[in-house]
Amino acid sequence: MRNTTVLISGASIAGPALAYWLDRYGFQVTVVEKAPALRQGGQAVDFTGETHMTVLEYMGILEDVKARQTGKTDIVIVDEAGNQQALISGDFTGGDIEILRGDLSEVMYERTADRCEYLFGDTITALDETETGVRVEFRHAPARTFDLVFGADGIHSRVRTLAFGPEEKFVKHQGHYYSIAGASNRETRPDAPRVRAVSYALNTPGRLASLGSSKAGQMYLFASPKLDFDRDDLDEQRRIVAEKFAGLGWQVPQMLADLPRLNSFFLDSVAKVRMKNFVNGRVALLGDSGYGNTMAGFGTGLAVVGAYVLAGELALADGDHTVAFPRYQEMMKRYSKLAGGANAGPFLAPKTALGLRFRNWFLTSWAFGMMMKATEKSKNDIELTNYPEIIAAR
């Protein structure tokens, strides 16, 4: 088999999913991750429909994911006095299975840690492609050469910048920012799906502040033009959130007071990645790096399906990337476009009072039910090849 040594950048979801399949098909896998360890907590992500369930079952993790699921969470929208204004059903936000990003990452990692090499606390600083491989320089580890390199390192992909060009060419800010604060506490979460959780959110024009069913869970969403801040300076980011939500009522003052004490924090743009090609020579992008769309309710499924397709096509081609990469791109180009129009920012935090009233009405309308059905259909609109069966029979 050609091209047996591979490097994956990113150990959240897409990276470990790809590592699982490539290892299973006989590749030698190294995963590099900027964080010093797996990231805990984070927002809830979900899977919906036959396509997602089939891939999870092929991976052998469907039951583990079900065991760690959060259960569907209804979001009760309140005003500054705490009076209910609307309800966003957990059937819409949570798919068939909802799980915290950190818990899903842990499930994926557990399936690969013993067989794949993980380099935590490091990052790629340079890529130099030759006819026979890609020489990779790291911030800390010695330089090495791999046959293939994969970027599974998110919206702000370092691999994409090095192999395809600067971020501004491919990432479009969509008018809102979101922040997740507080880690999960699995022992205090209900054993879903038997129990339905509830979170509460204050919604004012252009702003949403949500307090989850866990005491630690906070989410903020606010309308804003593109901001310039240091993505490694969490204190600066907390100040941004505090300034944007200053002066609001309900439980927001106490939430902001608690913010510095919470054990995790994340702030980023609601953004969309659009690329004509997400393969280039011996480098390919996966998940948010190549076709991300923040908070669109589609990204985790895209990442897991994309990893399945990419590894499967490489195995069918006996490692020949010149054959496998175009097939992968063709399939995922179409599938990823199905989420192209979604933008959660204006839906969750409309910029005007009129927009809020219309959104609240829409949540109870027949049109909302039609949208839910169309979204579920699009998540299953791909014909999956049974790669494990075909490859095992060769």
Protein backbone atom coordinates (compact mmCIF):
# COMPACT_ATOMS: atom_id res chain seq x y z
CA MET A 1 0.00 0.00 0.00
CA ARG A 2 1.22 3.51 -0.84
CA ASN A 3 1.33 6.44 1.58
CA THR A 4 1.20 4.58 4.87
CA THR A 5 2.44 7.31 7.26
CA VAL A 6 -0.07 10.07 7.98
CA LEU A 7 -0.25 13.12 10.22
CA ILE A 8 -3.56 14.50 11.47
CA SER A 9 -3.71 17.98 13.01
CA GLY A 10 -6.47 18.24 15.61
CA ALA A 11 -7.73 15.90 18.35
CA SER A 12 -11.28 17.13 18.89
CA ILE A 13 -13.75 15.04 16.85
CA ALA A 14 -12.78 14.92 13.17
CA GLY A 15 -9.15 14.07 13.96
CA PRO A 16 -9.72 11.05 16.21
CA ALA A 17 -12.52 9.83 13.91
CA LEU A 18 -10.13 9.85 10.95
CA ALA A 19 -7.39 8.30 13.10
CA TYR A 20 -9.71 5.43 13.99
CA TRP A 21 -10.50 4.55 10.39
CA LEU A 22 -6.99 5.01 9.02
CA ASP A 23 -5.51 2.84 11.78
CA ARG A 24 -8.16 0.20 11.14
CA TYR A 25 -7.15 0.12 7.46
CA GLY A 26 -3.46 -0.29 8.20
CA PHE A 27 -2.04 3.25 8.13
CA GLN A 28 0.50 4.51 10.68
CA VAL A 29 -1.20 7.46 12.35
CA THR A 30 0.18 10.43 14.28
CA VAL A 31 -2.16 13.10 15.70
CA VAL A 32 -0.87 16.50 16.83
CA GLU A 33 -2.99 18.71 19.10
CA LYS A 34 -2.27 22.25 20.26
CA ALA A 35 -4.00 21.80 23.62
CA PRO A 36 -2.04 20.05 26.39
CA ALA A 37 -4.80 17.45 26.79
CA LEU A 38 -8.25 16.61 25.52
CA ARG A 39 -10.61 19.56 25.87
CA GLN A 40 -13.41 18.90 28.35
CA GLY A 41 -16.98 20.16 28.32
CA GLY A 42 -17.87 22.49 25.47
CA GLN A 43 -21.20 22.88 23.75
CA ALA A 44 -23.56 20.04 23.02
CA VAL A 45 -23.30 18.46 19.57
CA ASP A 46 -25.72 16.04 17.98
CA PHE A 47 -26.32 13.27 15.49
CA THR A 48 -29.52 12.79 13.51
CA GLY A 49 -30.83 10.11 11.23
CA GLU A 50 -29.75 6.86 9.60
CA THR A 51 -26.53 8.13 8.00
CA HIS A 52 -25.03 9.37 11.27
CA MET A 53 -26.16 6.31 13.23
CA THR A 54 -24.74 3.97 10.61
CA VAL A 55 -21.28 5.54 10.77
CA LEU A 56 -21.28 5.52 14.58
CA GLU A 57 -22.32 1.86 14.52
CA TYR A 58 -19.59 0.97 12.01
CA MET A 59 -17.11 2.61 14.39
CA GLY A 60 -18.43 0.58 17.29
CA ILE A 61 -19.16 3.65 19.41
CA LEU A 62 -22.92 4.09 19.03
CA GLU A 63 -23.73 2.55 22.41
CA ASP A 64 -20.96 4.53 24.15
CA VAL A 65 -22.31 7.76 22.66
CA LYS A 66 -25.83 6.88 23.77
CA ALA A 67 -24.55 6.14 27.28
CA ARG A 68 -23.00 9.61 27.56
CA GLN A 69 -25.73 11.59 25.86
CA THR A 70 -27.07 14.64 27.63
CA GLY A 71 -30.67 14.11 26.68
CA LYS A 72 -32.61 16.67 24.72
CA THR A 73 -32.62 20.11 26.30
CA ASP A 74 -35.51 22.52 25.87
CA ILE A 75 -34.48 26.19 25.87
CA VAL A 76 -36.95 28.45 27.65
CA ILE A 77 -36.63 32.03 26.40
CA VAL A 78 -37.33 34.61 29.12
CA ASP A 79 -37.43 38.39 29.43
CA GLU A 80 -35.41 40.42 31.94
CA ALA A 81 -38.03 39.78 34.62
CA GLY A 82 -37.75 36.01 34.08
CA ASN A 83 -41.13 35.63 32.32
CA GLN A 84 -41.29 32.97 29.60
CA GLN A 85 -41.53 34.37 26.07
CA ALA A 86 -40.90 31.32 23.90
CA LEU A 87 -39.65 27.73 23.87
CA ILE A 88 -37.05 26.21 21.56
CA SER A 89 -37.66 22.48 21.64
CA GLY A 90 -34.84 20.05 22.34
CA ASP A 91 -36.16 18.05 19.38
CA PHE A 92 -34.79 20.86 17.20
CA THR A 93 -31.54 21.62 19.03
CA GLY A 94 -30.56 18.10 20.09
CA GLY A 95 -31.12 15.82 17.11
CA ASP A 96 -31.59 12.11 17.84
CA ILE A 97 -28.56 11.93 20.14
CA GLU A 98 -27.01 14.94 21.88
CA ILE A 99 -23.63 14.72 23.62
CA LEU A 100 -21.16 17.27 24.94
CA ARG A 101 -18.26 17.86 22.56
CA GLY A 102 -15.69 16.95 25.21
CA ASP A 103 -17.44 13.67 25.99
CA LEU A 104 -17.58 12.71 22.30
CA SER A 105 -13.91 13.59 21.88
CA GLU A 106 -13.08 11.32 24.81
CA VAL A 107 -15.03 8.41 23.29
CA MET A 108 -13.14 8.83 20.00
CA TYR A 109 -9.78 9.16 21.73
CA GLU A 110 -10.31 6.02 23.81
CA ARG A 111 -10.69 4.02 20.57
CA THR A 112 -7.35 5.25 19.18
CA ALA A 113 -4.99 6.15 22.04
CA ASP A 114 -3.35 2.71 22.32
CA ARG A 115 -2.67 2.35 18.61
CA CYS A 116 -2.07 5.89 17.33
CA GLU A 117 0.62 8.37 18.37
CA TYR A 118 -0.72 11.55 19.98
CA LEU A 119 1.43 14.68 20.35
CA PHE A 120 -0.37 16.99 22.79
CA GLY A 121 0.78 20.54 23.47
CA ASP A 122 2.31 20.97 20.03
CA THR A 123 1.39 22.44 16.66
CA ILE A 124 2.55 22.48 13.04
CA THR A 125 4.67 25.47 12.04
CA ALA A 126 5.65 24.60 8.45
CA LEU A 127 4.75 22.22 5.62
CA ASP A 128 7.06 21.47 2.71
CA GLU A 129 5.62 19.08 0.13
CA THR A 130 7.88 17.05 -2.16
CA GLU A 131 7.21 14.36 -4.74
CA THR A 132 7.44 11.67 -2.09
CA GLY A 133 6.03 13.22 1.07
CA VAL A 134 5.46 16.26 3.27
CA ARG A 135 8.17 17.52 5.59
CA VAL A 136 6.50 18.88 8.72
CA GLU A 137 8.03 21.21 11.26
CA PHE A 138 6.55 21.43 14.76
CA ARG A 139 6.80 24.08 17.46
CA HIS A 140 8.37 21.60 19.88
CA ALA A 141 8.88 18.13 18.33
CA PRO A 142 11.64 17.47 15.78
CA ALA A 143 10.75 17.81 12.10
CA ARG A 144 9.44 14.66 10.43
CA THR A 145 8.28 13.57 6.99
CA PHE A 146 4.87 12.00 6.40
CA ASP A 147 3.28 10.59 3.28
CA LEU A 148 0.04 12.53 3.82
CA VAL A 149 -1.15 15.37 6.07
CA PHE A 150 -4.73 16.07 7.16
CA GLY A 151 -6.12 19.26 8.66
CA ALA A 152 -8.82 18.50 11.22
CA ASP A 153 -7.99 21.55 13.31
CA GLY A 154 -11.16 23.60 13.10
CA ILE A 155 -12.37 26.89 11.66
CA HIS A 156 -8.99 28.53 12.33
CA SER A 157 -7.05 25.64 10.77
CA ARG A 158 -3.29 25.98 10.84
CA VAL A 159 -2.95 23.33 8.13
CA ARG A 160 -5.32 25.25 5.86
CA THR A 161 -3.28 28.43 6.27
CA LEU A 162 -0.01 26.68 5.50
CA ALA A 163 -1.24 24.58 2.57
CA PHE A 164 -4.01 26.69 1.01
CA GLY A 165 -3.57 30.32 2.03
CA PRO A 166 -4.57 32.90 4.66
CA GLU A 167 -7.74 32.46 6.68
CA GLU A 168 -9.47 35.56 5.30
CA LYS A 169 -9.67 33.90 1.87
CA PHE A 170 -11.88 31.12 3.15
CA VAL A 171 -13.57 32.08 6.44
CA LYS A 172 -16.53 34.48 6.43
CA HIS A 173 -17.71 36.13 9.64
CA GLN A 174 -21.51 35.85 9.85
CA GLY A 175 -22.33 38.72 12.16
CA HIS A 176 -22.37 37.08 15.60
CA TYR A 177 -20.01 35.73 18.26
CA TYR A 178 -20.66 32.94 20.75
CA SER A 179 -19.07 31.92 24.02
CA ILE A 180 -19.28 28.67 26.01
CA ALA A 181 -18.21 28.69 29.66
CA GLY A 182 -18.11 25.92 32.26
CA ALA A 183 -17.21 22.22 31.99
CA SER A 184 -19.58 19.28 32.18
CA ASN A 185 -20.23 17.27 35.32
CA ARG A 186 -21.40 13.92 34.04
CA GLU A 187 -22.35 12.59 37.48
CA THR A 188 -24.98 15.29 37.98
CA ARG A 189 -26.53 15.06 34.53
CA PRO A 190 -29.81 13.16 34.21
CA ASP A 191 -29.81 9.71 32.62
CA ALA A 192 -31.33 10.82 29.32
CA PRO A 193 -33.29 10.04 27.28
CA ARG A 194 -35.68 9.31 30.19
CA VAL A 195 -35.33 12.84 31.61
CA ARG A 196 -35.69 16.01 29.57
CA ALA A 197 -33.40 18.83 30.65
CA VAL A 198 -34.24 22.53 30.55
CA SER A 199 -32.01 25.56 30.13
CA TYR A 200 -33.08 29.19 30.35
CA ALA A 201 -32.02 32.04 28.11
CA LEU A 202 -32.49 35.78 28.28
CA ASN A 203 -33.06 37.11 24.76
CA THR A 204 -32.84 40.81 24.00
CA PRO A 205 -32.18 42.34 20.55
CA GLY A 206 -28.82 41.04 19.36
CA ARG A 207 -28.01 39.17 22.58
CA LEU A 208 -28.71 35.81 24.20
CA ALA A 209 -27.41 34.67 27.59
CA SER A 210 -28.17 31.07 28.53
CA LEU A 211 -27.80 29.24 31.83
CA GLY A 212 -27.78 25.48 31.42
CA SER A 213 -29.35 22.75 33.51
CA SER A 214 -25.88 22.18 34.99
CA LYS A 215 -24.89 24.98 37.40
CA ALA A 216 -21.64 25.52 35.49
CA GLY A 217 -23.03 25.74 31.97
CA GLN A 218 -23.22 29.18 30.38
CA MET A 219 -23.59 30.28 26.78
CA TYR A 220 -23.50 33.78 25.32
CA LEU A 221 -24.34 34.87 21.79
CA PHE A 222 -24.19 38.43 20.54
CA ALA A 223 -24.37 40.36 17.29
CA SER A 224 -21.17 42.18 16.37
CA PRO A 225 -19.03 43.14 13.42
CA LYS A 226 -15.75 41.28 13.21
CA LEU A 227 -13.64 41.81 16.35
CA ASP A 228 -9.88 41.86 16.68
CA PHE A 229 -8.74 40.00 19.79
CA ASP A 230 -6.02 37.60 20.88
CA ARG A 231 -7.46 34.09 20.62
CA ASP A 232 -5.05 32.90 23.34
CA ASP A 233 -5.92 35.67 25.82
CA LEU A 234 -8.90 34.35 27.76
CA ASP A 235 -8.98 37.31 30.14
CA GLU A 236 -9.42 39.69 27.21
CA GLN A 237 -12.19 37.50 25.83
CA ARG A 238 -14.00 37.40 29.17
CA ARG A 239 -13.87 41.20 29.23
CA ILE A 240 -15.47 41.31 25.80
CA VAL A 241 -18.35 39.13 26.96
CA ALA A 242 -18.77 41.15 30.17
CA GLU A 243 -18.91 44.41 28.19
CA LYS A 244 -21.41 43.06 25.66
CA PHE A 245 -23.80 41.84 28.38
CA ALA A 246 -23.37 44.61 30.93
CA GLY A 247 -26.59 46.20 32.16
CA LEU A 248 -28.90 43.26 31.45
CA GLY A 249 -31.29 41.90 34.06
CA TRP A 250 -32.54 38.40 34.93
CA GLN A 251 -29.57 36.27 36.15
CA VAL A 252 -26.99 37.83 33.84
CA PRO A 253 -25.19 39.91 36.53
CA GLN A 254 -24.54 36.77 38.60
CA MET A 255 -23.52 34.83 35.48
CA LEU A 256 -20.92 37.47 34.63
CA ALA A 257 -19.70 37.51 38.23
CA ASP A 258 -19.21 33.73 38.06
CA LEU A 259 -17.51 33.81 34.66
CA PRO A 260 -13.88 34.22 35.87
CA ARG A 261 -14.25 31.23 38.21
CA LEU A 262 -15.56 28.74 35.67
CA ASN A 263 -13.07 26.07 34.68
CA SER A 264 -13.41 26.45 30.91
CA PHE A 265 -14.07 29.32 28.54
CA PHE A 266 -14.31 29.72 24.78
CA LEU A 267 -15.15 32.68 22.51
CA ASP A 268 -15.29 32.62 18.73
CA SER A 269 -17.06 33.96 15.70
CA VAL A 270 -20.10 32.39 14.12
CA ALA A 271 -18.40 31.78 10.80
CA LYS A 272 -18.60 29.83 7.57
CA VAL A 273 -15.77 28.14 5.62
CA ARG A 274 -16.12 28.10 1.86
CA MET A 275 -13.44 26.56 -0.36
CA LYS A 276 -13.40 25.59 -4.02
CA ASN A 277 -11.06 22.74 -3.16
CA PHE A 278 -10.24 21.25 0.24
CA VAL A 279 -7.58 18.90 -1.13
CA ASN A 280 -4.20 20.09 -2.37
CA GLY A 281 -1.43 17.70 -3.31
CA ARG A 282 -0.73 15.47 -0.32
CA VAL A 283 -2.84 17.59 2.05
CA ALA A 284 -6.57 17.27 2.69
CA LEU A 285 -8.93 19.14 5.01
CA LEU A 286 -11.66 17.54 7.08
CA GLY A 287 -14.61 18.85 9.07
CA ASP A 288 -14.67 22.52 10.08
CA SER A 289 -11.24 23.10 8.51
CA GLY A 290 -12.63 22.48 5.04
CA TYR A 291 -16.38 22.98 5.25
CA GLY A 292 -17.25 24.41 8.66
CA ASN A 293 -20.41 26.35 9.48
CA THR A 294 -20.48 27.31 13.17
CA MET A 295 -23.57 26.40 15.20
CA ALA A 296 -25.47 25.26 12.10
CA GLY A 297 -26.33 21.93 13.70
CA PHE A 298 -24.50 20.03 10.98
CA GLY A 299 -20.78 20.20 11.74
CA THR A 300 -20.27 17.13 13.94
CA GLY A 301 -22.12 14.84 11.57
CA LEU A 302 -20.17 16.27 8.63
CA ALA A 303 -16.89 15.64 10.45
CA VAL A 304 -17.66 12.03 11.33
CA VAL A 305 -19.09 11.19 7.90
CA GLY A 306 -16.19 13.00 6.22
CA ALA A 307 -13.65 10.96 8.20
CA TYR A 308 -15.44 7.76 7.22
CA VAL A 309 -15.45 8.68 3.51
CA LEU A 310 -11.88 10.01 3.41
CA ALA A 311 -10.35 6.96 5.09
CA GLY A 312 -12.53 4.57 3.12
CA GLU A 313 -11.56 6.07 -0.24
CA LEU A 314 -7.87 5.98 0.71
CA ALA A 315 -8.12 2.34 1.68
CA LEU A 316 -9.98 1.43 -1.53
CA ALA A 317 -7.24 3.19 -3.51
CA ASP A 318 -4.49 1.35 -1.59
CA GLY A 319 -3.28 4.66 -0.20
CA ASP A 320 -3.05 6.45 -3.56
CA HIS A 321 -4.10 10.01 -2.69
CA THR A 322 -4.27 11.03 -6.36
CA VAL A 323 -7.21 8.64 -6.72
CA ALA A 324 -8.79 8.91 -3.28
CA PHE A 325 -8.70 12.66 -2.67
CA PRO A 326 -10.78 13.64 -5.74
CA ARG A 327 -13.40 11.03 -4.83
CA TYR A 328 -13.55 12.28 -1.25
CA GLN A 329 -13.87 15.89 -2.39
CA GLU A 330 -16.64 15.10 -4.86
CA MET A 331 -18.75 13.31 -2.27
CA MET A 332 -18.21 15.75 0.60
CA LYS A 333 -18.53 18.84 -1.60
CA ARG A 334 -22.14 17.95 -2.30
CA TYR A 335 -22.95 16.77 1.22
CA SER A 336 -21.41 19.81 2.91
CA LYS A 337 -23.32 22.22 0.65
CA LEU A 338 -26.57 21.03 2.19
CA ALA A 339 -25.70 23.09 5.28
CA GLY A 340 -24.51 26.07 3.27
CA GLY A 341 -27.37 28.46 3.97
CA ALA A 342 -27.74 28.00 7.71
CA ASN A 343 -26.78 30.83 10.10
CA ALA A 344 -27.76 30.29 13.71
CA GLY A 345 -26.87 33.82 14.88
CA PRO A 346 -29.90 35.73 13.53
CA PHE A 347 -32.20 32.89 14.58
CA LEU A 348 -31.03 32.70 18.20
CA ALA A 349 -30.26 36.41 18.67
CA PRO A 350 -32.24 38.55 16.22
CA LYS A 351 -30.91 42.09 16.11
CA THR A 352 -34.27 43.87 16.55
CA ALA A 353 -37.29 43.64 18.84
CA LEU A 354 -39.43 42.95 15.76
CA GLY A 355 -37.09 40.14 14.80
CA LEU A 356 -37.43 38.60 18.26
CA ARG A 357 -41.23 38.69 18.08
CA PHE A 358 -41.22 37.12 14.63
CA ARG A 359 -38.82 34.38 15.73
CA ASN A 360 -40.96 33.59 18.76
CA TRP A 361 -44.04 33.32 16.53
CA PHE A 362 -42.16 31.17 14.03
CA LEU A 363 -41.28 28.62 16.74
CA THR A 364 -44.99 27.78 17.10
CA SER A 365 -45.85 27.84 13.39
CA TRP A 366 -46.31 25.06 10.85
CA ALA A 367 -43.34 26.48 8.93
CA PHE A 368 -41.01 25.61 11.80
CA GLY A 369 -42.12 21.97 11.64
CA MET A 370 -41.47 21.91 7.90
CA MET A 371 -37.99 23.34 8.46
CA MET A 372 -37.21 20.62 11.00
CA LYS A 373 -38.22 17.91 8.53
CA ALA A 374 -36.14 19.45 5.73
CA THR A 375 -33.10 19.70 8.01
CA GLU A 376 -33.36 16.06 9.04
CA LYS A 377 -33.67 14.96 5.41
CA SER A 378 -30.56 16.90 4.35
CA LYS A 379 -28.46 15.21 7.04
CA ASN A 380 -29.17 11.85 5.41
CA ASP A 381 -28.83 12.90 1.79
CA ILE A 382 -25.69 10.92 0.99
CA GLU A 383 -25.25 7.37 -0.31
CA LEU A 384 -22.79 5.66 2.00
CA THR A 385 -20.43 3.01 0.66
CA ASN A 386 -19.94 0.12 3.08
CA TYR A 387 -16.17 0.56 3.17
CA PRO A 388 -15.49 -1.80 6.10
CA GLU A 389 -17.27 -4.70 4.41
CA ILE A 390 -15.71 -4.11 0.99
CA ILE A 391 -12.19 -3.67 2.37
CA ALA A 392 -12.48 -6.70 4.69
CA ALA A 393 -13.51 -8.86 1.73
CA ARG A 394 -10.46 -7.95 -0.38
